[in-house]
PDB file of N, CA and C in Angstrom:
ATOM      1  N   MET A   1      65.297   7.260 -57.486  1.00  0.00           N
ATOM      2  CA  MET A   1      63.985   7.794 -56.395  1.00  0.00           C
ATOM      3  C   MET A   1      64.189   5.686 -55.415  1.00  0.00           C
ATOM      4  N   ALA A   2      64.255   6.105 -54.560  1.00  0.00           N
ATOM      5  CA  ALA A   2      64.472   4.672 -53.449  1.00  0.00           C
ATOM      6  C   ALA A   2      62.817   4.176 -53.703  1.00  0.00           C
ATOM      7  N   LYS A   3      62.838   3.635 -53.434  1.00  0.00           N
ATOM      8  CA  LYS A   3      61.586   2.787 -53.092  1.00  0.00           C
ATOM      9  C   LYS A   3      60.533   3.165 -51.865  1.00  0.00           C
ATOM     10  N   LYS A   4      59.210   3.026 -51.738  1.00  0.00           N
ATOM     11  CA  LYS A   4      58.643   2.985 -50.304  1.00  0.00           C
ATOM     12  C   LYS A   4      57.954   1.887 -50.078  1.00  0.00           C
ATOM     13  N   GLY A   5      58.085   1.819 -48.854  1.00  0.00           N
ATOM     14  CA  GLY A   5      57.365   0.808 -48.560  1.00  0.00           C
ATOM     15  C   GLY A   5      58.301  -0.179 -47.375  1.00  0.00           C
ATOM     16  N   PRO A   6      57.749  -0.935 -46.543  1.00  0.00           N
ATOM     17  CA  PRO A   6      58.117  -1.642 -45.555  1.00  0.00           C
ATOM     18  C   PRO A   6      59.686  -2.425 -45.919  1.00  0.00           C
ATOM     19  N   ARG A   7      59.594  -2.953 -47.323  1.00  0.00           N
ATOM     20  CA  ARG A   7      60.463  -3.874 -47.402  1.00  0.00           C
ATOM     21  C   ARG A   7      62.002  -3.406 -47.219  1.00  0.00           C
ATOM     22  N   GLU A   8      63.103  -4.355 -47.106  1.00  0.00           N
ATOM     23  CA  GLU A   8      64.378  -3.675 -46.988  1.00  0.00           C
ATOM     24  C   GLU A   8      65.149  -4.699 -47.748  1.00  0.00           C
ATOM     25  N   ILE A   9      66.367  -4.491 -48.220  1.00  0.00           N
ATOM     26  CA  ILE A   9      67.078  -5.932 -48.525  1.00  0.00           C
ATOM     27  C   ILE A   9      68.252  -5.884 -47.839  1.00  0.00           C
ATOM     28  N   ILE A  10      68.303  -7.527 -47.169  1.00  0.00           N
ATOM     29  CA  ILE A  10      68.910  -8.305 -46.349  1.00  0.00           C
ATOM     30  C   ILE A  10      69.967  -8.606 -46.852  1.00  0.00           C
ATOM     31  N   GLN A  11      71.063  -9.316 -46.080  1.00  0.00           N
ATOM     32  CA  GLN A  11      72.226 -10.099 -46.984  1.00  0.00           C
ATOM     33  C   GLN A  11      72.082 -11.465 -45.929  1.00  0.00           C
ATOM     34  N   LEU A  12      71.633 -12.954 -46.348  1.00  0.00           N
ATOM     35  CA  LEU A  12      72.098 -13.938 -45.835  1.00  0.00           C
ATOM     36  C   LEU A  12      73.650 -13.966 -45.886  1.00  0.00           C
ATOM     37  N   ALA A  13      74.048 -14.552 -44.381  1.00  0.00           N
ATOM     38  CA  ALA A  13      75.373 -15.134 -44.796  1.00  0.00           C
ATOM     39  C   ALA A  13      75.269 -16.704 -43.692  1.00  0.00           C
ATOM     40  N   CYS A  14      76.181 -17.637 -44.097  1.00  0.00           N
ATOM     41  CA  CYS A  14      76.436 -18.712 -43.450  1.00  0.00           C
ATOM     42  C   CYS A  14      76.886 -19.150 -42.058  1.00  0.00           C
ATOM     43  N   THR A  15      76.825 -19.563 -41.350  1.00  0.00           N
ATOM     44  CA  THR A  15      77.183 -19.548 -39.886  1.00  0.00           C
ATOM     45  C   THR A  15      78.446 -20.090 -40.276  1.00  0.00           C
ATOM     46  N   GLU A  16      78.498 -21.361 -40.798  1.00  0.00           N
ATOM     47  CA  GLU A  16      79.756 -21.762 -40.733  1.00  0.00           C
ATOM     48  C   GLU A  16      81.093 -21.217 -41.439  1.00  0.00           C
ATOM     49  N   CYS A  17      81.289 -20.749 -42.229  1.00  0.00           N
ATOM     50  CA  CYS A  17      82.509 -20.102 -43.046  1.00  0.00           C
ATOM     51  C   CYS A  17      82.357 -18.478 -43.307  1.00  0.00           C
ATOM     52  N   LYS A  18      80.862 -17.822 -42.999  1.00  0.00           N
ATOM     53  CA  LYS A  18      80.196 -16.477 -42.536  1.00  0.00           C
ATOM     54  C   LYS A  18      81.283 -15.410 -43.580  1.00  0.00           C
ATOM     55  N   ARG A  19      80.594 -16.436 -44.787  1.00  0.00           N
ATOM     56  CA  ARG A  19      80.398 -15.389 -46.172  1.00  0.00           C
ATOM     57  C   ARG A  19      79.036 -15.272 -46.693  1.00  0.00           C
ATOM     58  N   ARG A  20      78.715 -14.306 -47.048  1.00  0.00           N
ATOM     59  CA  ARG A  20      77.674 -13.271 -47.272  1.00  0.00           C
ATOM     60  C   ARG A  20      77.029 -14.125 -48.930  1.00  0.00           C
ATOM     61  N   ASN A  21      76.639 -15.667 -48.604  1.00  0.00           N
ATOM     62  CA  ASN A  21      75.843 -15.615 -50.616  1.00  0.00           C
ATOM     63  C   ASN A  21      74.607 -15.101 -51.055  1.00  0.00           C
ATOM     64  N   TYR A  22      73.702 -14.981 -49.994  1.00  0.00           N
ATOM     65  CA  TYR A  22      72.664 -14.788 -50.304  1.00  0.00           C
ATOM     66  C   TYR A  22      71.803 -13.137 -49.906  1.00  0.00           C
ATOM     67  N   SER A  23      71.403 -12.518 -51.073  1.00  0.00           N
ATOM     68  CA  SER A  23      70.774 -11.398 -50.931  1.00  0.00           C
ATOM     69  C   SER A  23      69.089 -11.926 -50.752  1.00  0.00           C
ATOM     70  N   THR A  24      68.104 -10.884 -50.119  1.00  0.00           N
ATOM     71  CA  THR A  24      66.804 -11.020 -50.312  1.00  0.00           C
ATOM     72  C   THR A  24      66.090 -10.183 -49.772  1.00  0.00           C
ATOM     73  N   THR A  25      64.604  -9.989 -50.038  1.00  0.00           N
ATOM     74  CA  THR A  25      63.918  -8.430 -49.140  1.00  0.00           C
ATOM     75  C   THR A  25      63.278  -9.332 -47.811  1.00  0.00           C
ATOM     76  N   LYS A  26      62.670  -8.553 -47.223  1.00  0.00           N
ATOM     77  CA  LYS A  26      62.206  -8.917 -46.116  1.00  0.00           C
ATOM     78  C   LYS A  26      61.189  -7.957 -45.412  1.00  0.00           C
ATOM     79  N   ASN A  27      60.121  -8.218 -45.181  1.00  0.00           N
ATOM     80  CA  ASN A  27      59.191  -7.086 -44.553  1.00  0.00           C
ATOM     81  C   ASN A  27      59.429  -6.836 -43.370  1.00  0.00           C
ATOM     82  N   LYS A  28      60.076  -5.449 -42.650  1.00  0.00           N
ATOM     83  CA  LYS A  28      60.244  -5.012 -41.358  1.00  0.00           C
ATOM     84  C   LYS A  28      59.216  -5.275 -40.289  1.00  0.00           C
ATOM     85  N   ARG A  29      58.022  -5.327 -40.968  1.00  0.00           N
ATOM     86  CA  ARG A  29      56.700  -4.880 -40.090  1.00  0.00           C
ATOM     87  C   ARG A  29      56.542  -6.539 -39.474  1.00  0.00           C
ATOM     88  N   ASN A  30      56.259  -6.737 -40.212  1.00  0.00           N
ATOM     89  CA  ASN A  30      55.628  -8.482 -40.225  1.00  0.00           C
ATOM     90  C   ASN A  30      56.944  -9.466 -39.418  1.00  0.00           C
ATOM     91  N   THR A  31      57.906  -9.369 -39.682  1.00  0.00           N
ATOM     92  CA  THR A  31      59.586 -10.037 -39.402  1.00  0.00           C
ATOM     93  C   THR A  31      60.561  -9.312 -38.170  1.00  0.00           C
ATOM     94  N   PRO A  32      60.026  -8.532 -37.453  1.00  0.00           N
ATOM     95  CA  PRO A  32      61.226  -7.919 -36.824  1.00  0.00           C
ATOM     96  C   PRO A  32      62.775  -8.070 -36.805  1.00  0.00           C
ATOM     97  N   ASP A  33      62.098  -9.476 -36.188  1.00  0.00           N
ATOM     98  CA  ASP A  33      63.472 -10.744 -35.918  1.00  0.00           C
ATOM     99  C   ASP A  33      64.419 -11.092 -36.869  1.00  0.00           C
ATOM    100  N   ARG A  34      65.509 -11.694 -36.683  1.00  0.00           N
ATOM    101  CA  ARG A  34      66.043 -11.941 -37.610  1.00  0.00           C
ATOM    102  C   ARG A  34      66.244 -13.129 -38.367  1.00  0.00           C
ATOM    103  N   LEU A  35      66.292 -13.312 -39.892  1.00  0.00           N
ATOM    104  CA  LEU A  35      65.725 -13.994 -40.933  1.00  0.00           C
ATOM    105  C   LEU A  35      67.230 -15.245 -40.393  1.00  0.00           C
ATOM    106  N   GLU A  36      66.511 -17.090 -40.189  1.00  0.00           N
ATOM    107  CA  GLU A  36      67.182 -17.826 -40.553  1.00  0.00           C
ATOM    108  C   GLU A  36      66.587 -18.857 -41.343  1.00  0.00           C
ATOM    109  N   LEU A  37      67.765 -19.233 -42.487  1.00  0.00           N
ATOM    110  CA  LEU A  37      67.274 -20.020 -43.242  1.00  0.00           C
ATOM    111  C   LEU A  37      68.238 -21.290 -43.718  1.00  0.00           C
ATOM    112  N   ARG A  38      67.753 -22.622 -43.863  1.00  0.00           N
ATOM    113  CA  ARG A  38      69.013 -23.394 -44.485  1.00  0.00           C
ATOM    114  C   ARG A  38      69.390 -23.702 -45.950  1.00  0.00           C
ATOM    115  N   LYS A  39      69.887 -22.609 -46.214  1.00  0.00           N
ATOM    116  CA  LYS A  39      70.377 -22.578 -47.777  1.00  0.00           C
ATOM    117  C   LYS A  39      71.535 -23.607 -47.822  1.00  0.00           C
ATOM    118  N   TYR A  40      72.064 -23.665 -49.152  1.00  0.00           N
ATOM    119  CA  TYR A  40      73.437 -24.380 -49.850  1.00  0.00           C
ATOM    120  C   TYR A  40      73.988 -23.322 -49.977  1.00  0.00           C
ATOM    121  N   CYS A  41      75.634 -23.652 -49.466  1.00  0.00           N
ATOM    122  CA  CYS A  41      76.670 -23.195 -48.982  1.00  0.00           C
ATOM    123  C   CYS A  41      77.546 -23.391 -50.495  1.00  0.00           C
ATOM    124  N   PRO A  42      77.576 -22.595 -51.633  1.00  0.00           N
ATOM    125  CA  PRO A  42      78.783 -23.289 -52.245  1.00  0.00           C
ATOM    126  C   PRO A  42      80.209 -23.339 -51.942  1.00  0.00           C
ATOM    127  N   TRP A  43      80.586 -22.741 -50.949  1.00  0.00           N
ATOM    128  CA  TRP A  43      81.780 -22.832 -50.276  1.00  0.00           C
ATOM    129  C   TRP A  43      82.248 -24.038 -49.744  1.00  0.00           C
ATOM    130  N   CYS A  44      81.191 -23.947 -48.737  1.00  0.00           N
ATOM    131  CA  CYS A  44      80.960 -25.405 -47.551  1.00  0.00           C
ATOM    132  C   CYS A  44      80.817 -26.131 -48.315  1.00  0.00           C
ATOM    133  N   ASN A  45      79.829 -26.454 -49.542  1.00  0.00           N
ATOM    134  CA  ASN A  45      79.305 -27.516 -50.578  1.00  0.00           C
ATOM    135  C   ASN A  45      78.650 -28.385 -49.546  1.00  0.00           C
ATOM    136  N   LYS A  46      77.752 -27.854 -48.678  1.00  0.00           N
ATOM    137  CA  LYS A  46      76.086 -28.399 -48.048  1.00  0.00           C
ATOM    138  C   LYS A  46      75.518 -27.309 -47.506  1.00  0.00           C
ATOM    139  N   HIS A  47      74.643 -27.943 -47.642  1.00  0.00           N
ATOM    140  CA  HIS A  47      73.277 -27.162 -47.289  1.00  0.00           C
ATOM    141  C   HIS A  47      73.938 -26.522 -45.358  1.00  0.00           C
ATOM    142  N   THR A  48      73.996 -25.372 -45.129  1.00  0.00           N
ATOM    143  CA  THR A  48      74.071 -24.802 -43.820  1.00  0.00           C
ATOM    144  C   THR A  48      73.003 -23.768 -43.630  1.00  0.00           C
ATOM    145  N   LEU A  49      73.217 -23.571 -41.986  1.00  0.00           N
ATOM    146  CA  LEU A  49      71.912 -22.038 -41.698  1.00  0.00           C
ATOM    147  C   LEU A  49      72.885 -21.170 -41.946  1.00  0.00           C
ATOM    148  N   HIS A  50      71.856 -19.998 -42.559  1.00  0.00           N
ATOM    149  CA  HIS A  50      72.312 -18.606 -43.372  1.00  0.00           C
ATOM    150  C   HIS A  50      71.445 -17.619 -42.374  1.00  0.00           C
ATOM    151  N   ARG A  51      72.113 -16.863 -41.871  1.00  0.00           N
ATOM    152  CA  ARG A  51      71.413 -15.912 -41.012  1.00  0.00           C
ATOM    153  C   ARG A  51      71.604 -14.436 -41.324  1.00  0.00           C
ATOM    154  N   GLU A  52      70.797 -13.736 -41.038  1.00  0.00           N
ATOM    155  CA  GLU A  52      70.587 -11.951 -41.788  1.00  0.00           C
ATOM    156  C   GLU A  52      71.710 -11.417 -41.038  1.00  0.00           C
ATOM    157  N   VAL A  53      71.967 -10.803 -42.049  1.00  0.00           N
ATOM    158  CA  VAL A  53      73.758  -9.745 -41.291  1.00  0.00           C
ATOM    159  C   VAL A  53      72.549  -7.917 -41.796  1.00  0.00           C
ATOM    160  N   LYS A  54      73.478  -7.165 -41.150  1.00  0.00           N
ATOM    161  CA  LYS A  54      73.456  -5.891 -41.233  1.00  0.00           C
ATOM    162  C   LYS A  54      74.289  -5.262 -42.602  1.00  0.00           C
TER     163      LYS A  54
END
């Protein structure tokens, strides 16, 4: 059965190489806009901006 509640699983993609490196959850009620975090990208070998993708 599916989980109940406002939290949804999202993917974070690197803005430089476009690879989807991380998955996380977010509450759609509290943050309706797209999530942006600076995280480490193992393919770029540096910290880059990662954005939420569908």
